[in-house]
Amino acid sequence: MDTLEVSLNPTMETDVAKDLELWMTNLPQKLRTTPIIHLAIPGSHDSTTYGITSKSKIAPDAEPIYKWLRFLGPIFKKVMVNWSKTQTVTVTLQLQSGIRYFDLRISTKEKDDHFYFVHGLYGDEVAKILDEIKEFLETHPKEVVILDCQHFYAFQQSDHERLMYLLTSTFGHKLLPYMSHMEHISLQYMTECRYQVIVVYRSDAARFGQPLLWPAVCFRNPWAETVSIPKLITFLTDTLKSRNPSMGFVSQCVLTPTTWFVVKHLFSCLKKQCLLPLQRDKYKWLRMQRPGRGGLNIVISDFAEFEDGRFARAVVGLNRKLLREGERDELTPIDGGR
């Protein structure tokens, strides 16, 4: 194991991250009554891109560079796939590997009434993936997920209304209603109230009349938009220091290739150029963090399943720090009742 792996010691990490499929269920009671905005929660970046293939059609969010790259002929789609895919396993496998936050980009498609996940290319149908998540939750009643609808492409108001109906009808009573104060929301509270899903909807279309959807302000997610590792680490540190301790917070631990970076490494791929070079510094940075009030909350990564779930295990393992003597004084335990 890399010496920079995020564990306080093998025994302490094993206590909270041994079984990633049920890590929330198995947390000690003191952590299950801790506000979820004070827990360390692993997430995946562009969570559903595993559904993208060389047969996928170009999506509305595709960068202009990809139109220029059409001159590559049959190789064109392979290049797009190599730079569009940020995950390689299904949401079910991600859930079984401990991922509890999902970053979603959604689009309509011409002459089609369904919604699709996108990242340069069209991926899987939204309804299908939502059903997968629901199925997991029904067999894991003490687990909680955060679905972050980050971007919407080729959307009219009527499309938002259809998507919001799909979300609310799929999860029904499992949806945690929006609340202006979040520090009473713990895993125990959600379990006792039978809530399992928080849906963040980052569009003004959900501002009124949608009590089951959460606005963007409740889960700030600053984006470094850099391919420089030093700049990314500095950005992650600085933005975390300035987070609102009364709201959720997403740390995007990912490198973002520019158009010309892609051109320079045209026949390489995202994993080789943006994941592997970051690994050592990513885990070094994580090792320095702690959850708790004003601390690390949600962290997302590309290829979250890489190295047999190392990322999720590292993030979940950080929660053990909250049980150290003296550090729990900063937190207000919640009894979990209504």
C-alpha atoms as a PDB file:
ATOM      1  CA  MET A   1       0.000   0.000   0.000  1.00  0.00           C
ATOM      2  CA  ASP A   2       1.204   3.492  -0.887  1.00  0.00           C
ATOM      3  CA  THR A   3       2.466   5.290   2.225  1.00  0.00           C
ATOM      4  CA  LEU A   4       0.322   8.216   1.170  1.00  0.00           C
ATOM      5  CA  GLU A   5      -2.849   6.132   1.372  1.00  0.00           C
ATOM      6  CA  VAL A   6      -5.459   7.835   3.493  1.00  0.00           C
ATOM      7  CA  SER A   7      -5.680   5.751   6.618  1.00  0.00           C
ATOM      8  CA  LEU A   8      -4.878   6.679  10.159  1.00  0.00           C
ATOM      9  CA  ASN A   9      -3.803   3.123  10.757  1.00  0.00           C
ATOM     10  CA  PRO A  10      -5.045  -0.172   9.275  1.00  0.00           C
ATOM     11  CA  THR A  11      -7.329  -0.995  12.197  1.00  0.00           C
ATOM     12  CA  MET A  12      -8.984   2.412  12.365  1.00  0.00           C
ATOM     13  CA  GLU A  13      -9.747   2.533   8.636  1.00  0.00           C
ATOM     14  CA  THR A  14     -11.072  -1.023   8.594  1.00  0.00           C
ATOM     15  CA  ASP A  15     -13.658  -0.121  11.234  1.00  0.00           C
ATOM     16  CA  VAL A  16     -15.497   2.318   8.959  1.00  0.00           C
ATOM     17  CA  ALA A  17     -14.499   1.266   5.439  1.00  0.00           C
ATOM     18  CA  LYS A  18     -14.295  -2.519   5.581  1.00  0.00           C
ATOM     19  CA  ASP A  19     -17.571  -3.118   3.717  1.00  0.00           C
ATOM     20  CA  LEU A  20     -17.996  -0.270   1.234  1.00  0.00           C
ATOM     21  CA  GLU A  21     -21.360  -1.526   0.007  1.00  0.00           C
ATOM     22  CA  LEU A  22     -22.787  -0.908   3.493  1.00  0.00           C
ATOM     23  CA  TRP A  23     -20.428   1.713   4.847  1.00  0.00           C
ATOM     24  CA  MET A  24     -23.154   4.154   5.896  1.00  0.00           C
ATOM     25  CA  THR A  25     -25.176   1.363   7.486  1.00  0.00           C
ATOM     26  CA  ASN A  26     -22.188   0.173   9.508  1.00  0.00           C
ATOM     27  CA  LEU A  27     -20.894   3.527  10.755  1.00  0.00           C
ATOM     28  CA  PRO A  28     -20.658   3.832  14.551  1.00  0.00           C
ATOM     29  CA  GLN A  29     -23.711   5.505  16.078  1.00  0.00           C
ATOM     30  CA  LYS A  30     -21.748   8.681  16.816  1.00  0.00           C
ATOM     31  CA  LEU A  31     -21.103   9.067  13.096  1.00  0.00           C
ATOM     32  CA  ARG A  32     -24.615   8.106  12.044  1.00  0.00           C
ATOM     33  CA  THR A  33     -25.873  10.978  14.208  1.00  0.00           C
ATOM     34  CA  THR A  34     -23.351  13.424  12.748  1.00  0.00           C
ATOM     35  CA  PRO A  35     -24.734  15.876  10.143  1.00  0.00           C
ATOM     36  CA  ILE A  36     -24.117  14.498   6.648  1.00  0.00           C
ATOM     37  CA  ILE A  37     -22.531  17.826   5.690  1.00  0.00           C
ATOM     38  CA  HIS A  38     -19.822  16.996   8.258  1.00  0.00           C
ATOM     39  CA  LEU A  39     -19.082  13.502   6.933  1.00  0.00           C
ATOM     40  CA  ALA A  40     -16.536  12.561   4.264  1.00  0.00           C
ATOM     41  CA  ILE A  41     -18.495  11.139   1.325  1.00  0.00           C
ATOM     42  CA  PRO A  42     -16.934   9.724  -1.878  1.00  0.00           C
ATOM     43  CA  GLY A  43     -18.431  10.613  -5.250  1.00  0.00           C
ATOM     44  CA  SER A  44     -17.754  10.086  -8.935  1.00  0.00           C
ATOM     45  CA  HIS A  45     -17.186  12.793 -11.544  1.00  0.00           C
ATOM     46  CA  ASP A  46     -19.431  12.607 -14.634  1.00  0.00           C
ATOM     47  CA  SER A  47     -20.759   9.464 -13.040  1.00  0.00           C
ATOM     48  CA  THR A  48     -22.561   7.843 -15.961  1.00  0.00           C
ATOM     49  CA  THR A  49     -20.046   8.182 -18.789  1.00  0.00           C
ATOM     50  CA  TYR A  50     -19.366   4.432 -18.727  1.00  0.00           C
ATOM     51  CA  GLY A  51     -22.330   4.160 -21.114  1.00  0.00           C
ATOM     52  CA  ILE A  52     -20.533   6.069 -23.870  1.00  0.00           C
ATOM     53  CA  THR A  53     -19.300   3.979 -26.813  1.00  0.00           C
ATOM     54  CA  SER A  54     -17.880   4.551 -30.283  1.00  0.00           C
ATOM     55  CA  LYS A  55     -21.439   4.180 -31.585  1.00  0.00           C
ATOM     56  CA  SER A  56     -22.740   7.036 -29.415  1.00  0.00           C
ATOM     57  CA  LYS A  57     -23.960  10.163 -31.156  1.00  0.00           C
ATOM     58  CA  ILE A  58     -22.408  13.569 -30.516  1.00  0.00           C
ATOM     59  CA  ALA A  59     -24.235  15.368 -27.702  1.00  0.00           C
ATOM     60  CA  PRO A  60     -25.151  19.068 -27.417  1.00  0.00           C
ATOM     61  CA  ASP A  61     -22.422  19.657 -24.818  1.00  0.00           C
ATOM     62  CA  ALA A  62     -19.609  18.571 -27.171  1.00  0.00           C
ATOM     63  CA  GLU A  63     -16.717  21.012 -27.453  1.00  0.00           C
ATOM     64  CA  PRO A  64     -16.285  22.728 -30.867  1.00  0.00           C
ATOM     65  CA  ILE A  65     -12.934  20.951 -31.234  1.00  0.00           C
ATOM     66  CA  TYR A  66     -14.741  17.683 -31.842  1.00  0.00           C
ATOM     67  CA  LYS A  67     -16.424  19.050 -34.960  1.00  0.00           C
ATOM     68  CA  TRP A  68     -12.989  19.968 -36.253  1.00  0.00           C
ATOM     69  CA  LEU A  69     -11.702  16.481 -35.486  1.00  0.00           C
ATOM     70  CA  ARG A  70     -14.144  14.891 -37.908  1.00  0.00           C
ATOM     71  CA  PHE A  71     -11.299  14.833 -40.437  1.00  0.00           C
ATOM     72  CA  LEU A  72      -9.949  11.825 -38.536  1.00  0.00           C
ATOM     73  CA  GLY A  73     -12.715   9.720 -40.057  1.00  0.00           C
ATOM     74  CA  PRO A  74     -13.364   6.368 -38.307  1.00  0.00           C
ATOM     75  CA  ILE A  75     -10.796   7.195 -35.613  1.00  0.00           C
ATOM     76  CA  PHE A  76     -12.767  10.300 -34.627  1.00  0.00           C
ATOM     77  CA  LYS A  77     -15.259   8.557 -32.329  1.00  0.00           C
ATOM     78  CA  LYS A  78     -12.541   6.535 -30.616  1.00  0.00           C
ATOM     79  CA  VAL A  79     -10.701   9.754 -29.746  1.00  0.00           C
ATOM     80  CA  MET A  80     -13.916  11.246 -28.364  1.00  0.00           C
ATOM     81  CA  VAL A  81     -14.637   8.184 -26.255  1.00  0.00           C
ATOM     82  CA  ASN A  82     -11.100   8.188 -24.835  1.00  0.00           C
ATOM     83  CA  TRP A  83     -11.517  11.779 -23.636  1.00  0.00           C
ATOM     84  CA  SER A  84     -15.210  11.683 -22.680  1.00  0.00           C
ATOM     85  CA  LYS A  85     -15.237   8.620 -20.441  1.00  0.00           C
ATOM     86  CA  THR A  86     -14.497   9.430 -16.815  1.00  0.00           C
ATOM     87  CA  GLN A  87     -15.953   6.235 -15.329  1.00  0.00           C
ATOM     88  CA  THR A  88     -15.874   2.627 -16.530  1.00  0.00           C
ATOM     89  CA  VAL A  89     -18.268   0.782 -14.198  1.00  0.00           C
ATOM     90  CA  THR A  90     -22.049   1.027 -13.777  1.00  0.00           C
ATOM     91  CA  VAL A  91     -23.792   2.994 -11.055  1.00  0.00           C
ATOM     92  CA  THR A  92     -24.682  -0.285  -9.363  1.00  0.00           C
ATOM     93  CA  LEU A  93     -21.017  -1.269  -9.146  1.00  0.00           C
ATOM     94  CA  GLN A  94     -20.135   2.252  -8.025  1.00  0.00           C
ATOM     95  CA  LEU A  95     -22.734   1.999  -5.265  1.00  0.00           C
ATOM     96  CA  GLN A  96     -21.380  -1.379  -4.226  1.00  0.00           C
ATOM     97  CA  SER A  97     -17.916   0.218  -4.139  1.00  0.00           C
ATOM     98  CA  GLY A  98     -19.005   2.947  -1.718  1.00  0.00           C
ATOM     99  CA  ILE A  99     -19.789   5.865  -4.052  1.00  0.00           C
ATOM    100  CA  ARG A 100     -22.684   7.906  -2.660  1.00  0.00           C
ATOM    101  CA  TYR A 101     -22.593  11.129  -4.699  1.00  0.00           C
ATOM    102  CA  PHE A 102     -23.326  11.163  -8.424  1.00  0.00           C
ATOM    103  CA  ASP A 103     -22.471  14.020 -10.797  1.00  0.00           C
ATOM    104  CA  LEU A 104     -25.007  14.116 -13.644  1.00  0.00           C
ATOM    105  CA  ARG A 105     -25.178  15.902 -17.020  1.00  0.00           C
ATOM    106  CA  ILE A 106     -28.519  15.493 -18.750  1.00  0.00           C
ATOM    107  CA  SER A 107     -29.722  16.248 -22.262  1.00  0.00           C
ATOM    108  CA  THR A 108     -32.702  15.828 -24.524  1.00  0.00           C
ATOM    109  CA  LYS A 109     -32.343  14.279 -27.970  1.00  0.00           C
ATOM    110  CA  GLU A 110     -34.036  15.300 -31.192  1.00  0.00           C
ATOM    111  CA  LYS A 111     -37.079  13.221 -32.150  1.00  0.00           C
ATOM    112  CA  ASP A 112     -36.875  11.354 -28.845  1.00  0.00           C
ATOM    113  CA  ASP A 113     -38.958  11.844 -25.695  1.00  0.00           C
ATOM    114  CA  HIS A 114     -36.387  10.304 -23.359  1.00  0.00           C
ATOM    115  CA  PHE A 115     -33.611  11.984 -21.368  1.00  0.00           C
ATOM    116  CA  TYR A 116     -29.984  10.904 -21.687  1.00  0.00           C
ATOM    117  CA  PHE A 117     -26.769  11.361 -19.757  1.00  0.00           C
ATOM    118  CA  VAL A 118     -24.079  13.104 -21.783  1.00  0.00           C
ATOM    119  CA  HIS A 119     -20.437  14.127 -21.799  1.00  0.00           C
ATOM    120  CA  GLY A 120     -19.530  15.072 -25.327  1.00  0.00           C
ATOM    121  CA  LEU A 121     -21.381  11.977 -26.518  1.00  0.00           C
ATOM    122  CA  TYR A 122     -24.737  10.505 -25.570  1.00  0.00           C
ATOM    123  CA  GLY A 123     -24.700   7.829 -22.892  1.00  0.00           C
ATOM    124  CA  ASP A 124     -27.434   5.809 -21.194  1.00  0.00           C
ATOM    125  CA  GLU A 125     -31.069   6.735 -20.761  1.00  0.00           C
ATOM    126  CA  VAL A 126     -31.722   8.598 -17.502  1.00  0.00           C
ATOM    127  CA  ALA A 127     -34.785   6.590 -16.445  1.00  0.00           C
ATOM    128  CA  LYS A 128     -32.846   3.327 -16.683  1.00  0.00           C
ATOM    129  CA  ILE A 129     -30.076   4.546 -14.372  1.00  0.00           C
ATOM    130  CA  LEU A 130     -32.499   6.056 -11.867  1.00  0.00           C
ATOM    131  CA  ASP A 131     -34.229   2.685 -11.634  1.00  0.00           C
ATOM    132  CA  GLU A 132     -30.854   1.028 -10.966  1.00  0.00           C
ATOM    133  CA  ILE A 133     -30.197   3.408  -8.095  1.00  0.00           C
ATOM    134  CA  LYS A 134     -33.687   2.883  -6.697  1.00  0.00           C
ATOM    135  CA  GLU A 135     -33.226  -0.889  -6.803  1.00  0.00           C
ATOM    136  CA  PHE A 136     -30.000  -0.622  -4.806  1.00  0.00           C
ATOM    137  CA  LEU A 137     -31.626   1.628  -2.209  1.00  0.00           C
ATOM    138  CA  GLU A 138     -34.556  -0.726  -1.723  1.00  0.00           C
ATOM    139  CA  THR A 139     -32.179  -3.490  -0.653  1.00  0.00           C
ATOM    140  CA  HIS A 140     -29.941  -1.127   1.358  1.00  0.00           C
ATOM    141  CA  PRO A 141     -32.414   0.876   3.493  1.00  0.00           C
ATOM    142  CA  LYS A 142     -29.782   2.651   5.605  1.00  0.00           C
ATOM    143  CA  GLU A 143     -27.711   3.906   2.678  1.00  0.00           C
ATOM    144  CA  VAL A 144     -28.167   7.442   1.299  1.00  0.00           C
ATOM    145  CA  VAL A 145     -27.282   8.927  -2.098  1.00  0.00           C
ATOM    146  CA  ILE A 146     -26.905  12.470  -3.395  1.00  0.00           C
ATOM    147  CA  LEU A 147     -27.863  12.930  -7.052  1.00  0.00           C
ATOM    148  CA  ASP A 148     -26.481  16.203  -8.380  1.00  0.00           C
ATOM    149  CA  CYS A 149     -28.140  17.303 -11.618  1.00  0.00           C
ATOM    150  CA  GLN A 150     -25.324  19.632 -12.627  1.00  0.00           C
ATOM    151  CA  HIS A 151     -25.984  20.550 -16.240  1.00  0.00           C
ATOM    152  CA  PHE A 152     -28.924  20.503 -18.639  1.00  0.00           C
ATOM    153  CA  TYR A 153     -28.542  20.648 -22.424  1.00  0.00           C
ATOM    154  CA  ALA A 154     -31.147  21.380 -25.118  1.00  0.00           C
ATOM    155  CA  PHE A 155     -33.757  21.952 -22.408  1.00  0.00           C
ATOM    156  CA  GLN A 156     -36.974  23.951 -22.529  1.00  0.00           C
ATOM    157  CA  GLN A 157     -39.091  24.662 -19.453  1.00  0.00           C
ATOM    158  CA  SER A 158     -41.367  21.775 -20.416  1.00  0.00           C
ATOM    159  CA  ASP A 159     -38.339  19.453 -20.446  1.00  0.00           C
ATOM    160  CA  HIS A 160     -37.413  20.532 -16.931  1.00  0.00           C
ATOM    161  CA  GLU A 161     -40.943  19.814 -15.794  1.00  0.00           C
ATOM    162  CA  ARG A 162     -40.829  16.326 -17.328  1.00  0.00           C
ATOM    163  CA  LEU A 163     -37.435  15.575 -15.777  1.00  0.00           C
ATOM    164  CA  MET A 164     -38.468  16.832 -12.361  1.00  0.00           C
ATOM    165  CA  TYR A 165     -41.550  14.625 -12.542  1.00  0.00           C
ATOM    166  CA  LEU A 166     -39.366  11.642 -13.497  1.00  0.00           C
ATOM    167  CA  LEU A 167     -37.100  12.234 -10.505  1.00  0.00           C
ATOM    168  CA  THR A 168     -39.889  12.721  -7.981  1.00  0.00           C
ATOM    169  CA  SER A 169     -42.037   9.864  -9.280  1.00  0.00           C
ATOM    170  CA  THR A 170     -39.098   7.439  -9.359  1.00  0.00           C
ATOM    171  CA  PHE A 171     -37.944   8.007  -5.784  1.00  0.00           C
ATOM    172  CA  GLY A 172     -41.192   9.191  -4.173  1.00  0.00           C
ATOM    173  CA  HIS A 173     -41.106   9.039  -0.374  1.00  0.00           C
ATOM    174  CA  LYS A 174     -37.350   8.349  -0.434  1.00  0.00           C
ATOM    175  CA  LEU A 175     -36.674  11.989  -1.380  1.00  0.00           C
ATOM    176  CA  LEU A 176     -35.526  14.270   1.413  1.00  0.00           C
ATOM    177  CA  PRO A 177     -37.515  17.532   1.081  1.00  0.00           C
ATOM    178  CA  TYR A 178     -35.559  20.766   0.818  1.00  0.00           C
ATOM    179  CA  MET A 179     -34.776  22.366   4.186  1.00  0.00           C
ATOM    180  CA  SER A 180     -33.126  25.740   4.696  1.00  0.00           C
ATOM    181  CA  HIS A 181     -31.125  24.391   7.643  1.00  0.00           C
ATOM    182  CA  MET A 182     -29.004  21.289   7.126  1.00  0.00           C
ATOM    183  CA  GLU A 183     -27.181  20.726  10.398  1.00  0.00           C
ATOM    184  CA  HIS A 184     -29.914  18.498  11.797  1.00  0.00           C
ATOM    185  CA  ILE A 185     -29.809  16.122   8.816  1.00  0.00           C
ATOM    186  CA  SER A 186     -27.888  12.989   9.769  1.00  0.00           C
ATOM    187  CA  LEU A 187     -27.896   9.457   8.396  1.00  0.00           C
ATOM    188  CA  GLN A 188     -29.851   8.365  11.447  1.00  0.00           C
ATOM    189  CA  TYR A 189     -32.429  11.106  10.902  1.00  0.00           C
ATOM    190  CA  MET A 190     -32.849  10.090   7.264  1.00  0.00           C
ATOM    191  CA  THR A 191     -33.186   6.404   8.129  1.00  0.00           C
ATOM    192  CA  GLU A 192     -35.800   7.026  10.801  1.00  0.00           C
ATOM    193  CA  CYS A 193     -37.763   9.221   8.396  1.00  0.00           C
ATOM    194  CA  ARG A 194     -37.230   6.685   5.558  1.00  0.00           C
ATOM    195  CA  TYR A 195     -35.426   9.214   3.369  1.00  0.00           C
ATOM    196  CA  GLN A 196     -32.589   7.950   1.166  1.00  0.00           C
ATOM    197  CA  VAL A 197     -32.167  10.428  -1.680  1.00  0.00           C
ATOM    198  CA  ILE A 198     -31.122  14.068  -1.931  1.00  0.00           C
ATOM    199  CA  VAL A 199     -31.597  15.504  -5.424  1.00  0.00           C
ATOM    200  CA  VAL A 200     -29.717  18.721  -6.193  1.00  0.00           C
ATOM    201  CA  TYR A 201     -31.211  20.505  -9.220  1.00  0.00           C
ATOM    202  CA  ARG A 202     -28.926  23.267 -10.462  1.00  0.00           C
ATOM    203  CA  SER A 203     -31.456  25.233 -12.484  1.00  0.00           C
ATOM    204  CA  ASP A 204     -33.794  28.114 -11.752  1.00  0.00           C
ATOM    205  CA  ALA A 205     -36.503  25.955 -13.296  1.00  0.00           C
ATOM    206  CA  ALA A 206     -36.808  24.241  -9.912  1.00  0.00           C
ATOM    207  CA  ARG A 207     -36.834  27.435  -7.855  1.00  0.00           C
ATOM    208  CA  PHE A 208     -40.573  27.432  -7.186  1.00  0.00           C
ATOM    209  CA  GLY A 209     -43.030  24.647  -6.484  1.00  0.00           C
ATOM    210  CA  GLN A 210     -40.434  21.877  -6.125  1.00  0.00           C
ATOM    211  CA  PRO A 211     -40.127  21.121  -2.392  1.00  0.00           C
ATOM    212  CA  LEU A 212     -38.378  17.795  -3.042  1.00  0.00           C
ATOM    213  CA  LEU A 213     -35.444  19.273  -4.990  1.00  0.00           C
ATOM    214  CA  TRP A 214     -32.453  21.079  -3.503  1.00  0.00           C
ATOM    215  CA  PRO A 215     -30.975  24.300  -4.961  1.00  0.00           C
ATOM    216  CA  ALA A 216     -27.325  24.646  -5.965  1.00  0.00           C
ATOM    217  CA  VAL A 217     -26.480  26.895  -3.005  1.00  0.00           C
ATOM    218  CA  CYS A 218     -26.902  23.949  -0.614  1.00  0.00           C
ATOM    219  CA  PHE A 219     -24.027  22.027  -2.201  1.00  0.00           C
ATOM    220  CA  ARG A 220     -21.430  24.443  -3.533  1.00  0.00           C
ATOM    221  CA  ASN A 221     -19.091  22.748  -6.019  1.00  0.00           C
ATOM    222  CA  PRO A 222     -16.239  25.029  -7.164  1.00  0.00           C
ATOM    223  CA  TRP A 223     -14.342  23.838 -10.231  1.00  0.00           C
ATOM    224  CA  ALA A 224     -10.608  24.415 -10.655  1.00  0.00           C
ATOM    225  CA  GLU A 225     -10.734  23.938 -14.449  1.00  0.00           C
ATOM    226  CA  THR A 226      -7.011  23.249 -14.719  1.00  0.00           C
ATOM    227  CA  VAL A 227      -4.661  20.535 -15.891  1.00  0.00           C
ATOM    228  CA  SER A 228      -1.973  21.729 -13.468  1.00  0.00           C
ATOM    229  CA  ILE A 229      -1.637  19.538 -10.381  1.00  0.00           C
ATOM    230  CA  PRO A 230      -0.141  22.292  -8.139  1.00  0.00           C
ATOM    231  CA  LYS A 231      -2.934  24.692  -9.143  1.00  0.00           C
ATOM    232  CA  LEU A 232      -5.571  22.053  -8.457  1.00  0.00           C
ATOM    233  CA  ILE A 233      -4.226  21.226  -4.988  1.00  0.00           C
ATOM    234  CA  THR A 234      -3.994  24.920  -4.067  1.00  0.00           C
ATOM    235  CA  PHE A 235      -7.525  25.479  -5.341  1.00  0.00           C
ATOM    236  CA  LEU A 236      -8.919  22.532  -3.372  1.00  0.00           C
ATOM    237  CA  THR A 237      -7.262  23.760  -0.188  1.00  0.00           C
ATOM    238  CA  ASP A 238      -8.313  27.392  -0.561  1.00  0.00           C
ATOM    239  CA  THR A 239     -11.936  26.706  -1.481  1.00  0.00           C
ATOM    240  CA  LEU A 240     -12.348  24.216   1.349  1.00  0.00           C
ATOM    241  CA  LYS A 241     -11.118  26.826   3.818  1.00  0.00           C
ATOM    242  CA  SER A 242     -13.807  29.223   2.649  1.00  0.00           C
ATOM    243  CA  ARG A 243     -16.725  26.766   2.617  1.00  0.00           C
ATOM    244  CA  ASN A 244     -19.950  27.531   4.441  1.00  0.00           C
ATOM    245  CA  PRO A 245     -19.921  25.065   7.366  1.00  0.00           C
ATOM    246  CA  SER A 246     -23.724  25.044   7.461  1.00  0.00           C
ATOM    247  CA  MET A 247     -24.108  23.752   3.905  1.00  0.00           C
ATOM    248  CA  GLY A 248     -22.830  20.831   1.862  1.00  0.00           C
ATOM    249  CA  PHE A 249     -19.614  21.181  -0.140  1.00  0.00           C
ATOM    250  CA  VAL A 250     -18.150  19.308  -3.108  1.00  0.00           C
ATOM    251  CA  SER A 251     -14.387  19.127  -3.705  1.00  0.00           C
ATOM    252  CA  GLN A 252     -13.730  18.276  -7.354  1.00  0.00           C
ATOM    253  CA  CYS A 253     -10.451  16.379  -7.204  1.00  0.00           C
ATOM    254  CA  VAL A 254     -10.067  16.138 -10.974  1.00  0.00           C
ATOM    255  CA  LEU A 255      -7.869  17.591 -13.686  1.00  0.00           C
ATOM    256  CA  THR A 256      -9.658  19.209 -16.634  1.00  0.00           C
ATOM    257  CA  PRO A 257      -7.952  18.995 -20.036  1.00  0.00           C
ATOM    258  CA  THR A 258      -8.141  22.039 -22.275  1.00  0.00           C
ATOM    259  CA  THR A 259      -8.874  21.762 -25.985  1.00  0.00           C
ATOM    260  CA  TRP A 260      -5.207  22.096 -26.874  1.00  0.00           C
ATOM    261  CA  PHE A 261      -4.188  19.607 -24.208  1.00  0.00           C
ATOM    262  CA  VAL A 262      -6.434  17.066 -25.925  1.00  0.00           C
ATOM    263  CA  VAL A 263      -4.949  17.917 -29.322  1.00  0.00           C
ATOM    264  CA  LYS A 264      -1.435  17.524 -27.923  1.00  0.00           C
ATOM    265  CA  HIS A 265      -2.301  14.086 -26.539  1.00  0.00           C
ATOM    266  CA  LEU A 266      -4.832  13.205 -29.213  1.00  0.00           C
ATOM    267  CA  PHE A 267      -4.242   9.469 -29.270  1.00  0.00           C
ATOM    268  CA  SER A 268      -3.890   9.080 -25.514  1.00  0.00           C
ATOM    269  CA  CYS A 269      -6.806   9.125 -23.046  1.00  0.00           C
ATOM    270  CA  LEU A 270      -8.171  10.872 -19.969  1.00  0.00           C
ATOM    271  CA  LYS A 271      -7.124   8.129 -17.574  1.00  0.00           C
ATOM    272  CA  LYS A 272      -3.497   8.149 -18.715  1.00  0.00           C
ATOM    273  CA  GLN A 273      -3.089  11.938 -18.901  1.00  0.00           C
ATOM    274  CA  CYS A 274      -5.334  13.231 -16.091  1.00  0.00           C
ATOM    275  CA  LEU A 275      -5.905  10.444 -13.558  1.00  0.00           C
ATOM    276  CA  LEU A 276      -2.613   8.598 -13.221  1.00  0.00           C
ATOM    277  CA  PRO A 277      -0.398  11.723 -12.881  1.00  0.00           C
ATOM    278  CA  LEU A 278      -2.692  13.013 -10.118  1.00  0.00           C
ATOM    279  CA  GLN A 279      -2.873   9.893  -7.964  1.00  0.00           C
ATOM    280  CA  ARG A 280       0.037  10.547  -5.611  1.00  0.00           C
ATOM    281  CA  ASP A 281      -0.823  14.189  -4.957  1.00  0.00           C
ATOM    282  CA  LYS A 282      -4.525  13.420  -4.636  1.00  0.00           C
ATOM    283  CA  TYR A 283      -3.971  10.920  -1.836  1.00  0.00           C
ATOM    284  CA  LYS A 284      -1.386  13.124  -0.194  1.00  0.00           C
ATOM    285  CA  TRP A 285      -3.916  15.971  -0.133  1.00  0.00           C
ATOM    286  CA  LEU A 286      -6.683  13.717   1.171  1.00  0.00           C
ATOM    287  CA  ARG A 287      -4.446  12.441   3.956  1.00  0.00           C
ATOM    288  CA  MET A 288      -4.147  16.022   5.229  1.00  0.00           C
ATOM    289  CA  GLN A 289      -7.918  16.545   5.404  1.00  0.00           C
ATOM    290  CA  ARG A 290     -10.487  15.818   8.074  1.00  0.00           C
ATOM    291  CA  PRO A 291     -14.262  15.897   7.968  1.00  0.00           C
ATOM    292  CA  GLY A 292     -16.309  17.750  10.575  1.00  0.00           C
ATOM    293  CA  ARG A 293     -17.706  21.260  10.727  1.00  0.00           C
ATOM    294  CA  GLY A 294     -15.991  23.313   8.010  1.00  0.00           C
ATOM    295  CA  GLY A 295     -13.915  20.334   6.904  1.00  0.00           C
ATOM    296  CA  LEU A 296     -13.973  17.922   3.993  1.00  0.00           C
ATOM    297  CA  ASN A 297     -17.440  16.805   2.894  1.00  0.00           C
ATOM    298  CA  ILE A 298     -18.031  15.364  -0.594  1.00  0.00           C
ATOM    299  CA  VAL A 299     -15.013  14.517  -2.776  1.00  0.00           C
ATOM    300  CA  ILE A 300     -15.280  13.397  -6.396  1.00  0.00           C
ATOM    301  CA  SER A 301     -12.811  11.631  -8.655  1.00  0.00           C
ATOM    302  CA  ASP A 302     -12.515  10.290 -12.172  1.00  0.00           C
ATOM    303  CA  PHE A 303     -12.457   6.493 -12.466  1.00  0.00           C
ATOM    304  CA  ALA A 304     -13.624   6.122  -8.882  1.00  0.00           C
ATOM    305  CA  GLU A 305     -13.350   2.338  -9.048  1.00  0.00           C
ATOM    306  CA  PHE A 306      -9.641   2.458  -9.985  1.00  0.00           C
ATOM    307  CA  GLU A 307      -7.319   0.287  -7.881  1.00  0.00           C
ATOM    308  CA  ASP A 308     -10.170  -1.767  -6.461  1.00  0.00           C
ATOM    309  CA  GLY A 309     -12.055   1.091  -4.820  1.00  0.00           C
ATOM    310  CA  ARG A 310      -9.031   2.728  -3.228  1.00  0.00           C
ATOM    311  CA  PHE A 311     -10.536   6.209  -3.573  1.00  0.00           C
ATOM    312  CA  ALA A 312     -13.810   5.442  -1.790  1.00  0.00           C
ATOM    313  CA  ARG A 313     -11.997   3.496   0.917  1.00  0.00           C
ATOM    314  CA  ALA A 314      -9.652   6.418   1.512  1.00  0.00           C
ATOM    315  CA  VAL A 315     -12.439   8.995   1.753  1.00  0.00           C
ATOM    316  CA  VAL A 316     -14.715   6.876   3.948  1.00  0.00           C
ATOM    317  CA  GLY A 317     -11.733   6.088   6.172  1.00  0.00           C
ATOM    318  CA  LEU A 318     -11.352   9.778   6.975  1.00  0.00           C
ATOM    319  CA  ASN A 319     -14.548   9.646   9.024  1.00  0.00           C
ATOM    320  CA  ARG A 320     -12.666   7.750  11.698  1.00  0.00           C
ATOM    321  CA  LYS A 321     -10.929  11.029  12.548  1.00  0.00           C
ATOM    322  CA  LEU A 322     -14.237  12.308  13.938  1.00  0.00           C
ATOM    323  CA  LEU A 323     -14.094   9.678  16.662  1.00  0.00           C
ATOM    324  CA  ARG A 324     -10.740  10.835  17.980  1.00  0.00           C
ATOM    325  CA  GLU A 325     -10.891  12.123  21.520  1.00  0.00           C
ATOM    326  CA  GLY A 326     -11.570  15.845  21.681  1.00  0.00           C
ATOM    327  CA  GLU A 327     -12.566  16.346  18.044  1.00  0.00           C
ATOM    328  CA  ARG A 328     -16.187  15.344  18.548  1.00  0.00           C
ATOM    329  CA  ASP A 329     -16.666  18.443  20.701  1.00  0.00           C
ATOM    330  CA  GLU A 330     -16.944  20.503  17.519  1.00  0.00           C
ATOM    331  CA  LEU A 331     -19.962  18.505  16.366  1.00  0.00           C
ATOM    332  CA  THR A 332     -23.519  18.523  17.619  1.00  0.00           C
ATOM    333  CA  PRO A 333     -24.894  14.966  17.717  1.00  0.00           C
ATOM    334  CA  ILE A 334     -28.415  14.585  16.371  1.00  0.00           C
ATOM    335  CA  ASP A 335     -30.842  12.169  17.994  1.00  0.00           C
ATOM    336  CA  GLY A 336     -32.337  11.236  14.648  1.00  0.00           C
ATOM    337  CA  GLY A 337     -35.937  11.913  15.632  1.00  0.00           C
ATOM    338  CA  ARG A 338     -38.437  14.093  13.864  1.00  0.00           C
END
